[in-house]
PDB file of N, CA and C in Angstrom:
ATOM      1  N   MET A   1      97.408  90.582 145.069  1.00  0.00           N
ATOM      2  CA  MET A   1      97.722  91.974 145.315  1.00  0.00           C
ATOM      3  C   MET A   1      96.574  92.829 144.776  1.00  0.00           C
ATOM      4  N   LYS A   2      95.722  93.285 145.646  1.00  0.00           N
ATOM      5  CA  LYS A   2      94.606  94.126 145.239  1.00  0.00           C
ATOM      6  C   LYS A   2      95.021  95.576 145.393  1.00  0.00           C
ATOM      7  N   ARG A   3      94.706  96.381 144.358  1.00  0.00           N
ATOM      8  CA  ARG A   3      95.270  97.715 144.412  1.00  0.00           C
ATOM      9  C   ARG A   3      94.356  98.839 143.958  1.00  0.00           C
ATOM     10  N   PHE A   4      93.208  98.575 143.377  1.00  0.00           N
ATOM     11  CA  PHE A   4      92.437  99.641 142.771  1.00  0.00           C
ATOM     12  C   PHE A   4      91.130  99.972 143.491  1.00  0.00           C
ATOM     13  N   LYS A   5      90.802  99.335 144.560  1.00  0.00           N
ATOM     14  CA  LYS A   5      89.462  99.416 145.145  1.00  0.00           C
ATOM     15  C   LYS A   5      89.080 100.832 145.579  1.00  0.00           C
ATOM     16  N   LYS A   6      90.005 101.636 146.072  1.00  0.00           N
ATOM     17  CA  LYS A   6      89.670 102.943 146.633  1.00  0.00           C
ATOM     18  C   LYS A   6      89.024 103.893 145.638  1.00  0.00           C
ATOM     19  N   ASP A   7      89.645 104.093 144.509  1.00  0.00           N
ATOM     20  CA  ASP A   7      89.174 105.101 143.571  1.00  0.00           C
ATOM     21  C   ASP A   7      88.611 104.475 142.300  1.00  0.00           C
ATOM     22  N   THR A   8      87.723 103.500 142.478  1.00  0.00           N
ATOM     23  CA  THR A   8      87.081 102.851 141.353  1.00  0.00           C
ATOM     24  C   THR A   8      85.906 103.705 140.890  1.00  0.00           C
ATOM     25  N   PRO A   9      85.843 104.029 139.600  1.00  0.00           N
ATOM     26  CA  PRO A   9      84.705 104.822 139.124  1.00  0.00           C
ATOM     27  C   PRO A   9      83.409 104.013 139.148  1.00  0.00           C
ATOM     28  N   ALA A  10      82.291 104.703 139.225  1.00  0.00           N
ATOM     29  CA  ALA A  10      80.999 104.033 139.244  1.00  0.00           C
ATOM     30  C   ALA A  10      80.656 103.474 137.864  1.00  0.00           C
ATOM     31  N   TYR A  11      81.179 104.104 136.821  1.00  0.00           N
ATOM     32  CA  TYR A  11      80.906 103.696 135.449  1.00  0.00           C
ATOM     33  C   TYR A  11      82.189 103.849 134.644  1.00  0.00           C
ATOM     34  N   PHE A  12      82.512 102.869 133.836  1.00  0.00           N
ATOM     35  CA  PHE A  12      83.698 102.926 132.987  1.00  0.00           C
ATOM     36  C   PHE A  12      83.309 103.477 131.625  1.00  0.00           C
ATOM     37  N   ASP A  13      83.825 104.645 131.310  1.00  0.00           N
ATOM     38  CA  ASP A  13      83.528 105.295 130.042  1.00  0.00           C
ATOM     39  C   ASP A  13      84.634 104.959 129.049  1.00  0.00           C
ATOM     40  N   TYR A  14      84.260 104.492 127.874  1.00  0.00           N
ATOM     41  CA  TYR A  14      85.262 104.099 126.882  1.00  0.00           C
ATOM     42  C   TYR A  14      86.055 105.287 126.356  1.00  0.00           C
ATOM     43  N   LYS A  15      85.533 106.507 126.527  1.00  0.00           N
ATOM     44  CA  LYS A  15      86.242 107.700 126.049  1.00  0.00           C
ATOM     45  C   LYS A  15      87.299 108.183 127.037  1.00  0.00           C
ATOM     46  N   ASP A  16      87.277 107.662 128.264  1.00  0.00           N
ATOM     47  CA  ASP A  16      88.220 108.061 129.297  1.00  0.00           C
ATOM     48  C   ASP A  16      89.428 107.115 129.275  1.00  0.00           C
ATOM     49  N   ALA A  17      90.310 107.328 128.314  1.00  0.00           N
ATOM     50  CA  ALA A  17      91.444 106.428 128.109  1.00  0.00           C
ATOM     51  C   ALA A  17      92.416 106.449 129.287  1.00  0.00           C
ATOM     52  N   LYS A  18      92.524 107.582 129.951  1.00  0.00           N
ATOM     53  CA  LYS A  18      93.459 107.686 131.071  1.00  0.00           C
ATOM     54  C   LYS A  18      93.074 106.725 132.205  1.00  0.00           C
ATOM     55  N   THR A  19      91.796 106.649 132.501  1.00  0.00           N
ATOM     56  CA  THR A  19      91.322 105.732 133.543  1.00  0.00           C
ATOM     57  C   THR A  19      91.473 104.285 133.099  1.00  0.00           C
ATOM     58  N   LEU A  20      91.150 103.999 131.861  1.00  0.00           N
ATOM     59  CA  LEU A  20      91.224 102.628 131.367  1.00  0.00           C
ATOM     60  C   LEU A  20      92.657 102.112 131.315  1.00  0.00           C
ATOM     61  N   LEU A  21      93.615 102.990 131.086  1.00  0.00           N
ATOM     62  CA  LEU A  21      95.019 102.565 131.043  1.00  0.00           C
ATOM     63  C   LEU A  21      95.498 102.014 132.382  1.00  0.00           C
ATOM     64  N   ARG A  22      94.865 102.418 133.474  1.00  0.00           N
ATOM     65  CA  ARG A  22      95.246 101.895 134.800  1.00  0.00           C
ATOM     66  C   ARG A  22      94.946 100.413 134.918  1.00  0.00           C
ATOM     67  N   TYR A  23      94.001  99.914 134.118  1.00  0.00           N
ATOM     68  CA  TYR A  23      93.574  98.522 134.201  1.00  0.00           C
ATOM     69  C   TYR A  23      94.159  97.657 133.099  1.00  0.00           C
ATOM     70  N   ILE A  24      95.189  98.152 132.420  1.00  0.00           N
ATOM     71  CA  ILE A  24      95.869  97.397 131.373  1.00  0.00           C
ATOM     72  C   ILE A  24      97.323  97.222 131.781  1.00  0.00           C
ATOM     73  N   ASP A  25      97.837  95.995 131.676  1.00  0.00           N
ATOM     74  CA  ASP A  25      99.222  95.750 132.069  1.00  0.00           C
ATOM     75  C   ASP A  25     100.168  96.228 130.955  1.00  0.00           C
ATOM     76  N   PRO A  26     101.479  96.206 131.193  1.00  0.00           N
ATOM     77  CA  PRO A  26     102.442  96.713 130.204  1.00  0.00           C
ATOM     78  C   PRO A  26     102.414  95.980 128.861  1.00  0.00           C
ATOM     79  N   TYR A  27     101.841  94.767 128.828  1.00  0.00           N
ATOM     80  CA  TYR A  27     101.765  94.012 127.582  1.00  0.00           C
ATOM     81  C   TYR A  27     100.466  94.270 126.831  1.00  0.00           C
ATOM     82  N   GLY A  28      99.583  95.095 127.378  1.00  0.00           N
ATOM     83  CA  GLY A  28      98.336  95.433 126.709  1.00  0.00           C
ATOM     84  C   GLY A  28      97.166  94.558 127.100  1.00  0.00           C
ATOM     85  N   LYS A  29      97.355  93.681 128.075  1.00  0.00           N
ATOM     86  CA  LYS A  29      96.275  92.788 128.500  1.00  0.00           C
ATOM     87  C   LYS A  29      95.437  93.464 129.586  1.00  0.00           C
ATOM     88  N   ILE A  30      94.177  93.077 129.661  1.00  0.00           N
ATOM     89  CA  ILE A  30      93.294  93.573 130.715  1.00  0.00           C
ATOM     90  C   ILE A  30      93.671  92.859 132.014  1.00  0.00           C
ATOM     91  N   GLU A  31      93.824  93.619 133.083  1.00  0.00           N
ATOM     92  CA  GLU A  31      94.191  93.027 134.376  1.00  0.00           C
ATOM     93  C   GLU A  31      93.082  92.087 134.860  1.00  0.00           C
ATOM     94  N   PRO A  32      93.442  90.978 135.496  1.00  0.00           N
ATOM     95  CA  PRO A  32      92.431  90.045 135.980  1.00  0.00           C
ATOM     96  C   PRO A  32      91.689  90.590 137.199  1.00  0.00           C
ATOM     97  N   ILE A  33      90.576  89.970 137.496  1.00  0.00           N
ATOM     98  CA  ILE A  33      89.708  90.431 138.574  1.00  0.00           C
ATOM     99  C   ILE A  33      90.403  90.357 139.938  1.00  0.00           C
ATOM    100  N   GLY A  34      91.363  89.470 140.081  1.00  0.00           N
ATOM    101  CA  GLY A  34      92.100  89.367 141.336  1.00  0.00           C
ATOM    102  C   GLY A  34      92.972  90.577 141.609  1.00  0.00           C
ATOM    103  N   LYS A  35      93.493  91.184 140.569  1.00  0.00           N
ATOM    104  CA  LYS A  35      94.329  92.374 140.738  1.00  0.00           C
ATOM    105  C   LYS A  35      93.514  93.657 140.807  1.00  0.00           C
ATOM    106  N   THR A  36      92.424  93.706 140.059  1.00  0.00           N
ATOM    107  CA  THR A  36      91.639  94.934 140.041  1.00  0.00           C
ATOM    108  C   THR A  36      90.711  95.039 141.236  1.00  0.00           C
ATOM    109  N   SER A  37      90.368  93.915 141.827  1.00  0.00           N
ATOM    110  CA  SER A  37      89.435  93.810 142.962  1.00  0.00           C
ATOM    111  C   SER A  37      88.095  94.476 142.657  1.00  0.00           C
ATOM    112  N   LEU A  38      87.634  94.319 141.434  1.00  0.00           N
ATOM    113  CA  LEU A  38      86.324  94.801 141.039  1.00  0.00           C
ATOM    114  C   LEU A  38      85.312  93.677 141.206  1.00  0.00           C
ATOM    115  N   SER A  39      84.044  94.041 141.208  1.00  0.00           N
ATOM    116  CA  SER A  39      83.013  93.012 141.216  1.00  0.00           C
ATOM    117  C   SER A  39      82.938  92.410 139.809  1.00  0.00           C
ATOM    118  N   VAL A  40      82.222  91.321 139.678  1.00  0.00           N
ATOM    119  CA  VAL A  40      82.109  90.664 138.383  1.00  0.00           C
ATOM    120  C   VAL A  40      81.428  91.589 137.380  1.00  0.00           C
ATOM    121  N   LYS A  41      80.398  92.271 137.812  1.00  0.00           N
ATOM    122  CA  LYS A  41      79.678  93.199 136.938  1.00  0.00           C
ATOM    123  C   LYS A  41      80.592  94.344 136.486  1.00  0.00           C
ATOM    124  N   GLN A  42      81.373  94.899 137.420  1.00  0.00           N
ATOM    125  CA  GLN A  42      82.293  95.981 137.075  1.00  0.00           C
ATOM    126  C   GLN A  42      83.386  95.500 136.136  1.00  0.00           C
ATOM    127  N   GLN A  43      83.882  94.284 136.329  1.00  0.00           N
ATOM    128  CA  GLN A  43      84.931  93.739 135.471  1.00  0.00           C
ATOM    129  C   GLN A  43      84.412  93.574 134.044  1.00  0.00           C
ATOM    130  N   ARG A  44      83.160  93.144 133.901  1.00  0.00           N
ATOM    131  CA  ARG A  44      82.562  93.018 132.574  1.00  0.00           C
ATOM    132  C   ARG A  44      82.413  94.380 131.913  1.00  0.00           C
ATOM    133  N   GLN A  45      81.981  95.379 132.686  1.00  0.00           N
ATOM    134  CA  GLN A  45      81.853  96.733 132.146  1.00  0.00           C
ATOM    135  C   GLN A  45      83.212  97.286 131.736  1.00  0.00           C
ATOM    136  N   LEU A  46      84.230  97.019 132.541  1.00  0.00           N
ATOM    137  CA  LEU A  46      85.592  97.458 132.232  1.00  0.00           C
ATOM    138  C   LEU A  46      86.079  96.824 130.931  1.00  0.00           C
ATOM    139  N   ALA A  47      85.893  95.526 130.794  1.00  0.00           N
ATOM    140  CA  ALA A  47      86.342  94.826 129.586  1.00  0.00           C
ATOM    141  C   ALA A  47      85.637  95.370 128.349  1.00  0.00           C
ATOM    142  N   THR A  48      84.353  95.623 128.458  1.00  0.00           N
ATOM    143  CA  THR A  48      83.595  96.169 127.334  1.00  0.00           C
ATOM    144  C   THR A  48      84.102  97.559 126.969  1.00  0.00           C
ATOM    145  N   ALA A  49      84.353  98.400 127.976  1.00  0.00           N
ATOM    146  CA  ALA A  49      84.846  99.752 127.716  1.00  0.00           C
ATOM    147  C   ALA A  49      86.226  99.722 127.068  1.00  0.00           C
ATOM    148  N   ILE A  50      87.104  98.838 127.528  1.00  0.00           N
ATOM    149  CA  ILE A  50      88.446  98.734 126.942  1.00  0.00           C
ATOM    150  C   ILE A  50      88.360  98.254 125.502  1.00  0.00           C
ATOM    151  N   LYS A  51      87.509  97.284 125.237  1.00  0.00           N
ATOM    152  CA  LYS A  51      87.370  96.771 123.872  1.00  0.00           C
ATOM    153  C   LYS A  51      86.799  97.827 122.943  1.00  0.00           C
ATOM    154  N   ARG A  52      85.846  98.611 123.416  1.00  0.00           N
ATOM    155  CA  ARG A  52      85.297  99.697 122.599  1.00  0.00           C
ATOM    156  C   ARG A  52      86.356 100.764 122.321  1.00  0.00           C
ATOM    157  N   ALA A  53      87.144 101.089 123.342  1.00  0.00           N
ATOM    158  CA  ALA A  53      88.199 102.097 123.167  1.00  0.00           C
ATOM    159  C   ALA A  53      89.267 101.601 122.196  1.00  0.00           C
ATOM    160  N   ARG A  54      89.562 100.318 122.217  1.00  0.00           N
ATOM    161  CA  ARG A  54      90.529  99.763 121.274  1.00  0.00           C
ATOM    162  C   ARG A  54      89.993  99.833 119.845  1.00  0.00           C
ATOM    163  N   HIS A  55      88.714  99.551 119.671  1.00  0.00           N
ATOM    164  CA  HIS A  55      88.118  99.598 118.327  1.00  0.00           C
ATOM    165  C   HIS A  55      88.128 101.008 117.753  1.00  0.00           C
ATOM    166  N   LEU A  56      87.993 102.007 118.604  1.00  0.00           N
ATOM    167  CA  LEU A  56      88.004 103.392 118.149  1.00  0.00           C
ATOM    168  C   LEU A  56      89.402 103.994 118.153  1.00  0.00           C
ATOM    169  N   ALA A  57      90.416 103.178 118.401  1.00  0.00           N
ATOM    170  CA  ALA A  57      91.823 103.579 118.400  1.00  0.00           C
ATOM    171  C   ALA A  57      92.153 104.585 119.491  1.00  0.00           C
ATOM    172  N   LEU A  58      91.415 104.536 120.592  1.00  0.00           N
ATOM    173  CA  LEU A  58      91.757 105.359 121.752  1.00  0.00           C
ATOM    174  C   LEU A  58      92.798 104.652 122.618  1.00  0.00           C
ATOM    175  N   LEU A  59      92.819 103.328 122.542  1.00  0.00           N
ATOM    176  CA  LEU A  59      93.798 102.504 123.252  1.00  0.00           C
ATOM    177  C   LEU A  59      94.439 101.556 122.240  1.00  0.00           C
ATOM    178  N   PRO A  60      95.685 101.180 122.458  1.00  0.00           N
ATOM    179  CA  PRO A  60      96.309 100.227 121.546  1.00  0.00           C
ATOM    180  C   PRO A  60      95.864  98.799 121.833  1.00  0.00           C
ATOM    181  N   PHE A  61      95.851  97.942 120.808  1.00  0.00           N
ATOM    182  CA  PHE A  61      95.554  96.529 121.007  1.00  0.00           C
ATOM    183  C   PHE A  61      96.728  95.846 121.686  1.00  0.00           C
ATOM    184  N   VAL A  62      97.946  96.175 121.261  1.00  0.00           N
ATOM    185  CA  VAL A  62      99.176  95.663 121.858  1.00  0.00           C
ATOM    186  C   VAL A  62     100.138  96.818 122.030  1.00  0.00           C
ATOM    187  N   THR A  63     101.082  96.643 122.917  1.00  0.00           N
ATOM    188  CA  THR A  63     102.086  97.689 123.110  1.00  0.00           C
ATOM    189  C   THR A  63     103.242  97.449 122.156  1.00  0.00           C
ATOM    190  N   SER A  64     103.900  98.506 121.793  1.00  0.00           N
ATOM    191  CA  SER A  64     105.039  98.363 120.877  1.00  0.00           C
ATOM    192  C   SER A  64     106.333  98.324 121.672  1.00  0.00           C
ATOM    193  N   ASN A  65     107.166  97.361 121.365  1.00  0.00           N
ATOM    194  CA  ASN A  65     108.453  97.217 122.041  1.00  0.00           C
ATOM    195  C   ASN A  65     109.573  97.470 121.091  1.00  0.00           C
TER     196      ASN A  65
END
């Protein structure tokens, strides 16, 4: 199920938490490349941006239930 291809940003900014939240599932995991339909390079940039945002406490490491 590919769902994000239309409005994919050219660059993933770690400060843009709203955009990064679209690529995180309800359990706090980064969505796989099959669901995001990003290129390999974009998926790596996304993962790096999410990890940086988590380190700066802009995104949670895990969700609270």
